[in-house]
Amino acid sequence: SISSTPRPRPSDQPPQLALTMPTEKVAIIGSGNWGSAIARIVGANCARHDMFDTTVEMWVFEEQIDGKNLTEIINETHENVKYLPGVKLPENVHAEPNLEKAVTGATLLVFVLPHQFLPRTVPNMKGAYAPNARGISLIKGIEFEDSKPMLISDLIKKSMGGMDISVLMGANVANEVAQDQFCESTVGTKDAANGPVWKALFDAPTFRVNVVNDVPGVELCGALKNVVAIGAGFCDGLEYGGNTKAAIIRIGLEEMQLFCSTFYEGVQPGTFFESCGVADLITTCFGGRNRKCAEAFAKQGGGDPAAWDKIEADMLNGQKLQGTITAKDVMTCLKAADKVSAFPLFTKIYQISFEGAPVTDIVKLS
C-alpha cells in the first residue's frame, strides 16, 4: 500500500532528478473524492523523494461537519470524512481553507476540482505561487469559446498568465485508487522537461504513470468518455445486455477519435490506447458517477432534463455530474461546425438527456 515512508537513499531517487534540481513545493487545489485520493499518492511521494518539499498543502473548501470545520477534522484525523471516508491521508498532507495561503511559494500546482468552479477559484490565488510554477490539471471536462472546444488546461493557462499546464487522465476511479488497487494513468505534457517531474510526483507501485507529448489528446479523452458513459448508463437502465453496451462503447471511442481530429491538430492515434483513452472509457462505462446517474435517469423513464439535478443531489453526496455538462458543450461545438450528422451517438445522448427523446433511442443510431 501507499504510505509516507522515509526518504530513500539518493541512489533510489528518480534518475537525473535527485541531485540536480531544487526542491519543488506542491499544492493541491481541490479536496473532493478524486482530490483526496490523489493526495495520498502525492503525499507519499513527497515524503520519499528529496526533490519535493515534504509538506503538501491541500486547499479545502471549508464545510461544517457536525458543527466542526472539515479542515480541522482532516488535520486531526488525517481523513476526509465527507468525500473519502474510511481512508487515511498521509500526515504530511495539510488541509488549508485559505487558497492564497495554500499555494504560497508553490512550484507545482495540482488542479483537481470541478471545472465550473475554476473562474471563481483561480483569482483567489492572487499570484502567491512561485514565479516559475507549473501546473497539472486532473479536471475532466470541456469549455467552449466562440462555439469551439477549449481545453480546461488552456483555460487554466490563460487564467494563470501563461503558466505551463500539463494534464493527468486515466482509468482512475477514485475509490479504487484510494484502496491501492492497481491502475495506470497518463500524463500529457507539452514541455518534455516537465514529464519526469510529474512522473516522480504521481508514479507509484499501484499507480503507474506513462508520459506522452499530447495534451489535447489526453485531455479530450478524459472529457469525452464521460459522455459515452451516459449512453452506457442508459443501456444499463434499460437492462440491455453486454453486446449492446459493447457496441455503444466502440461507437463512442470512434466518435471520440473523430471529435479530436475534427477540432484539434496533432492528436496522436496512440493516445487512444493509453490509460486515458480506451482504458478510461471502459472503466467509466462500467463504474463511476456518470454511468450510475444515467442508469437512474433511464430507470425513471427519462424525460424532464431537470431530473438530472435531483439525481445528482440524491446520489453523488455533493460531487458534480460531468457527463451531462460535457454533452451540452459537445453539442454546441458540433452545431457550430455543422457536424451533428457525423456524431450520431453523441447527438442521441444529448437528445435523450435534454430534448425529451425516448431513452430507447440510444440504439437508434442510423
Foldseek 3Di string as FASTA:
>chain_A
DFAQDAADPLVPADPPQQPPAAEAEEEEEDCALQSVLQQQLLLSLLSHGNNYPNAYEYADQWDADPNDTQQVCCQVQQANCQHQNPFHHYNSYHYDPQLLVRQAQGQEYEYDAELVCVVVRLVSVVPRYDPNHAYEYAYAAWDDDPLATDFSQVVVCVSVVNHFYKYKAFQPDRNCSSVLAADEIEIEGQDPVCVVVVQSSRDDPRYHYDYDPARLQLRLLRHQLLQLLLLLLLCVLVVHDDVVSVVSLVLSLVVSVVSCVVRHPDHDPCSLVHRSHSVNSVSSNVDDDSSNLSSVCNNVFQFALCVSVVSCVVPPSPGDRRNLVRLVSVVSNCVVVVNCLVRQQSNVSNCRNHVVDTSVCNPVRD
